[in-house]
Amino acid sequence: MIEVLYFAWVRERIGLPRERMETGAATVSELVEELRAREPRYAAAFADTAALRVAVDQELADFDAPLAGVREVAFFPPMTGG
């Protein structure tokens, strides 16, 4: 079971801040494909992964990061500072 967290406009498009899910995905990219296939709101949220960042167990990661043993995956837009 993985906890998937959504932040900012990702959360707004999906309509949930978080969810727990079973997945057969081996990588973050495979998880994104599973989510996209769920329904249109997920497809919209994950339409452009270049506009997203991901953290695996609260560490920034790439979309090819493995999910074995992972408890949490978070998706969010790039942070801007000022």
Protein backbone atom coordinates (compact mmCIF):
# COMPACT_ATOMS: atom_id res chain seq x y z
CA MET A 1 0.00 0.00 0.00
CA ILE A 2 1.37 3.41 -1.03
CA GLU A 3 0.20 6.80 0.18
CA VAL A 4 0.00 9.19 -2.79
CA LEU A 5 -0.03 12.91 -2.00
CA TYR A 6 -1.07 15.70 -4.37
CA PHE A 7 -0.17 19.37 -3.91
CA ALA A 8 -1.18 22.72 -5.47
CA TRP A 9 -2.81 22.49 -8.91
CA VAL A 10 -2.30 18.71 -9.01
CA ARG A 11 -4.59 18.40 -5.97
CA GLU A 12 -7.07 20.84 -7.53
CA ARG A 13 -7.32 18.85 -10.77
CA ILE A 14 -7.67 15.49 -9.04
CA GLY A 15 -9.88 16.76 -6.23
CA LEU A 16 -8.06 14.89 -3.47
CA PRO A 17 -5.15 15.84 -1.21
CA ARG A 18 -4.09 12.20 -0.75
CA GLU A 19 -5.10 8.60 -1.25
CA ARG A 20 -3.88 5.16 -0.31
CA MET A 21 -3.60 2.69 -3.14
CA GLU A 22 -2.36 -0.71 -4.11
CA THR A 23 -0.10 -0.63 -7.15
CA GLY A 24 1.84 -3.05 -9.26
CA ALA A 25 4.03 -0.21 -10.54
CA ALA A 26 7.79 -0.73 -10.27
CA THR A 27 8.70 2.94 -10.85
CA VAL A 28 7.15 6.37 -10.39
CA SER A 29 6.59 6.54 -14.18
CA GLU A 30 4.58 3.33 -14.07
CA LEU A 31 2.54 4.70 -11.16
CA VAL A 32 1.81 7.84 -13.22
CA GLU A 33 0.61 5.64 -16.10
CA GLU A 34 -1.71 3.75 -13.72
CA LEU A 35 -3.10 7.03 -12.39
CA ARG A 36 -3.57 8.52 -15.88
CA ALA A 37 -5.61 5.48 -16.91
CA ARG A 38 -8.03 5.85 -13.98
CA GLU A 39 -10.22 8.68 -15.24
CA PRO A 40 -10.02 12.04 -17.06
CA ARG A 41 -9.20 14.13 -13.98
CA TYR A 42 -6.04 12.07 -13.39
CA ALA A 43 -5.17 12.17 -17.09
CA ALA A 44 -5.42 15.99 -16.95
CA ALA A 45 -3.30 16.25 -13.80
CA PHE A 46 -0.56 14.05 -15.24
CA ALA A 47 -0.76 15.20 -18.88
CA ASP A 48 2.64 16.92 -18.73
CA THR A 49 5.06 15.32 -16.28
CA ALA A 50 7.70 17.89 -17.28
CA ALA A 51 5.58 20.34 -15.26
CA LEU A 52 5.73 18.11 -12.17
CA ARG A 53 8.19 17.17 -9.47
CA VAL A 54 8.04 14.02 -7.39
CA ALA A 55 9.22 13.06 -3.93
CA VAL A 56 9.57 9.47 -2.78
CA ASP A 57 9.44 9.02 1.00
CA GLN A 58 9.98 12.79 1.33
CA GLU A 59 13.13 12.88 -0.85
CA LEU A 60 13.14 14.51 -4.29
CA ALA A 61 13.33 11.82 -6.94
CA ASP A 62 13.14 11.22 -10.68
CA PHE A 63 10.24 9.59 -12.45
CA ASP A 64 12.38 6.48 -13.00
CA ALA A 65 12.80 6.03 -9.22
CA PRO A 66 11.91 2.53 -8.01
CA LEU A 67 8.90 2.04 -5.75
CA ALA A 68 10.04 -1.13 -3.97
CA GLY A 69 9.57 -0.59 -0.23
CA VAL A 70 8.30 2.97 -0.70
CA ARG A 71 5.57 4.20 1.65
CA GLU A 72 4.81 7.63 0.17
CA VAL A 73 4.93 9.36 -3.22
CA ALA A 74 4.14 13.06 -3.55
CA PHE A 75 3.46 15.02 -6.73
CA PHE A 76 3.77 18.81 -6.90
CA PRO A 77 4.65 21.63 -9.30
CA PRO A 78 8.20 23.01 -9.30
CA MET A 79 8.80 25.40 -6.43
CA THR A 80 9.63 28.99 -7.19
CA GLY A 81 11.35 31.25 -4.73
CA GLY A 82 11.75 34.93 -4.39
